[in-house]
Amino acid sequence: MKTSTFEKEHGIQKTGLMQLDDSNFTGDLILLFFTHQRVQVMKNSVAEAFAAVGLNTYRRKSKFLKQNTV
């Protein structure tokens, strides 16, 4: 099992196929990808979809986590 964040700080552990289902994350969007290219494509898609309904993404608040696949 891999830990995405420090367990003591956030207590979130996940396996490769596990989904995060917790009401604490309803205001957050979590996307996991294994390649930088796929992240860029999805970021653009999400930004376009947000703009279409009047939402903005804030770069200061956005964080990207890298999953070590080795």
C-alpha atoms as a PDB file:
ATOM      1  CA  MET A   1       0.000   0.000   0.000  1.00  0.00           C
ATOM      2  CA  LYS A   2       1.317   3.451  -0.883  1.00  0.00           C
ATOM      3  CA  THR A   3       0.790   6.581   1.157  1.00  0.00           C
ATOM      4  CA  SER A   4      -0.060   9.709  -0.849  1.00  0.00           C
ATOM      5  CA  THR A   5       0.504  12.070   2.059  1.00  0.00           C
ATOM      6  CA  PHE A   6       2.051  11.756   5.458  1.00  0.00           C
ATOM      7  CA  GLU A   7      -0.194   9.419   7.423  1.00  0.00           C
ATOM      8  CA  LYS A   8       0.237  11.375  10.644  1.00  0.00           C
ATOM      9  CA  GLU A   9      -0.743  14.640   8.975  1.00  0.00           C
ATOM     10  CA  HIS A  10      -3.723  13.524   6.874  1.00  0.00           C
ATOM     11  CA  GLY A  11      -4.236   9.796   7.427  1.00  0.00           C
ATOM     12  CA  ILE A  12      -4.957   9.045   3.752  1.00  0.00           C
ATOM     13  CA  GLN A  13      -3.584   5.799   2.394  1.00  0.00           C
ATOM     14  CA  LYS A  14      -4.455   4.368  -0.974  1.00  0.00           C
ATOM     15  CA  THR A  15      -3.771   1.457  -3.220  1.00  0.00           C
ATOM     16  CA  GLY A  16      -3.471   1.854  -6.981  1.00  0.00           C
ATOM     17  CA  LEU A  17      -7.147   1.064  -7.586  1.00  0.00           C
ATOM     18  CA  MET A  18      -8.719   2.548  -4.456  1.00  0.00           C
ATOM     19  CA  GLN A  19     -11.131   5.466  -4.729  1.00  0.00           C
ATOM     20  CA  LEU A  20     -11.205   8.244  -2.161  1.00  0.00           C
ATOM     21  CA  ASP A  21     -14.764   8.433  -0.850  1.00  0.00           C
ATOM     22  CA  ASP A  22     -14.916  10.944   1.982  1.00  0.00           C
ATOM     23  CA  SER A  23     -17.212  13.912   2.445  1.00  0.00           C
ATOM     24  CA  ASN A  24     -14.213  15.983   3.577  1.00  0.00           C
ATOM     25  CA  PHE A  25     -13.028  16.021  -0.035  1.00  0.00           C
ATOM     26  CA  THR A  26     -16.276  17.123  -1.699  1.00  0.00           C
ATOM     27  CA  GLY A  27     -14.892  20.598  -2.439  1.00  0.00           C
ATOM     28  CA  ASP A  28     -11.651  19.234  -3.876  1.00  0.00           C
ATOM     29  CA  LEU A  29     -10.914  17.605  -7.195  1.00  0.00           C
ATOM     30  CA  ILE A  30      -8.398  14.761  -7.080  1.00  0.00           C
ATOM     31  CA  LEU A  31      -6.943  13.452 -10.321  1.00  0.00           C
ATOM     32  CA  LEU A  32      -4.250  10.767 -10.439  1.00  0.00           C
ATOM     33  CA  PHE A  33      -2.185  10.238 -13.563  1.00  0.00           C
ATOM     34  CA  PHE A  34       1.066   8.479 -14.307  1.00  0.00           C
ATOM     35  CA  THR A  35       2.488  10.725 -17.042  1.00  0.00           C
ATOM     36  CA  HIS A  36       3.167  14.447 -17.152  1.00  0.00           C
ATOM     37  CA  GLN A  37       1.640  14.654 -20.647  1.00  0.00           C
ATOM     38  CA  ARG A  38      -1.653  13.179 -19.406  1.00  0.00           C
ATOM     39  CA  VAL A  39      -1.703  15.675 -16.514  1.00  0.00           C
ATOM     40  CA  GLN A  40      -1.306  18.582 -18.942  1.00  0.00           C
ATOM     41  CA  VAL A  41      -4.131  17.325 -21.181  1.00  0.00           C
ATOM     42  CA  MET A  42      -6.472  16.838 -18.223  1.00  0.00           C
ATOM     43  CA  LYS A  43      -5.581  20.227 -16.675  1.00  0.00           C
ATOM     44  CA  ASN A  44      -6.577  21.921 -19.923  1.00  0.00           C
ATOM     45  CA  SER A  45      -9.823  19.914 -20.139  1.00  0.00           C
ATOM     46  CA  VAL A  46     -10.764  20.719 -16.552  1.00  0.00           C
ATOM     47  CA  ALA A  47      -9.942  24.423 -17.027  1.00  0.00           C
ATOM     48  CA  GLU A  48     -12.159  24.576 -20.133  1.00  0.00           C
ATOM     49  CA  ALA A  49     -15.035  22.796 -18.361  1.00  0.00           C
ATOM     50  CA  PHE A  50     -14.713  25.092 -15.337  1.00  0.00           C
ATOM     51  CA  ALA A  51     -14.673  28.208 -17.532  1.00  0.00           C
ATOM     52  CA  ALA A  52     -17.815  27.020 -19.335  1.00  0.00           C
ATOM     53  CA  VAL A  53     -19.767  27.165 -16.060  1.00  0.00           C
ATOM     54  CA  GLY A  54     -18.049  30.233 -14.605  1.00  0.00           C
ATOM     55  CA  LEU A  55     -15.592  28.533 -12.237  1.00  0.00           C
ATOM     56  CA  ASN A  56     -11.896  29.330 -11.857  1.00  0.00           C
ATOM     57  CA  THR A  57      -8.904  27.282 -10.763  1.00  0.00           C
ATOM     58  CA  TYR A  58      -6.411  28.981  -8.487  1.00  0.00           C
ATOM     59  CA  ARG A  59      -2.785  28.089  -9.136  1.00  0.00           C
ATOM     60  CA  ARG A  60      -1.753  28.887  -5.537  1.00  0.00           C
ATOM     61  CA  LYS A  61      -4.226  26.357  -4.177  1.00  0.00           C
ATOM     62  CA  SER A  62      -3.624  23.662  -6.802  1.00  0.00           C
ATOM     63  CA  LYS A  63      -1.223  20.888  -5.882  1.00  0.00           C
ATOM     64  CA  PHE A  64       0.111  18.064  -7.975  1.00  0.00           C
ATOM     65  CA  LEU A  65       1.148  14.810  -6.351  1.00  0.00           C
ATOM     66  CA  LYS A  66       3.469  12.390  -8.077  1.00  0.00           C
ATOM     67  CA  GLN A  67       2.936   8.691  -7.475  1.00  0.00           C
ATOM     68  CA  ASN A  68       6.154   6.706  -7.457  1.00  0.00           C
ATOM     69  CA  THR A  69       5.497   3.782  -9.811  1.00  0.00           C
ATOM     70  CA  VAL A  70       8.924   2.147  -9.503  1.00  0.00           C
END
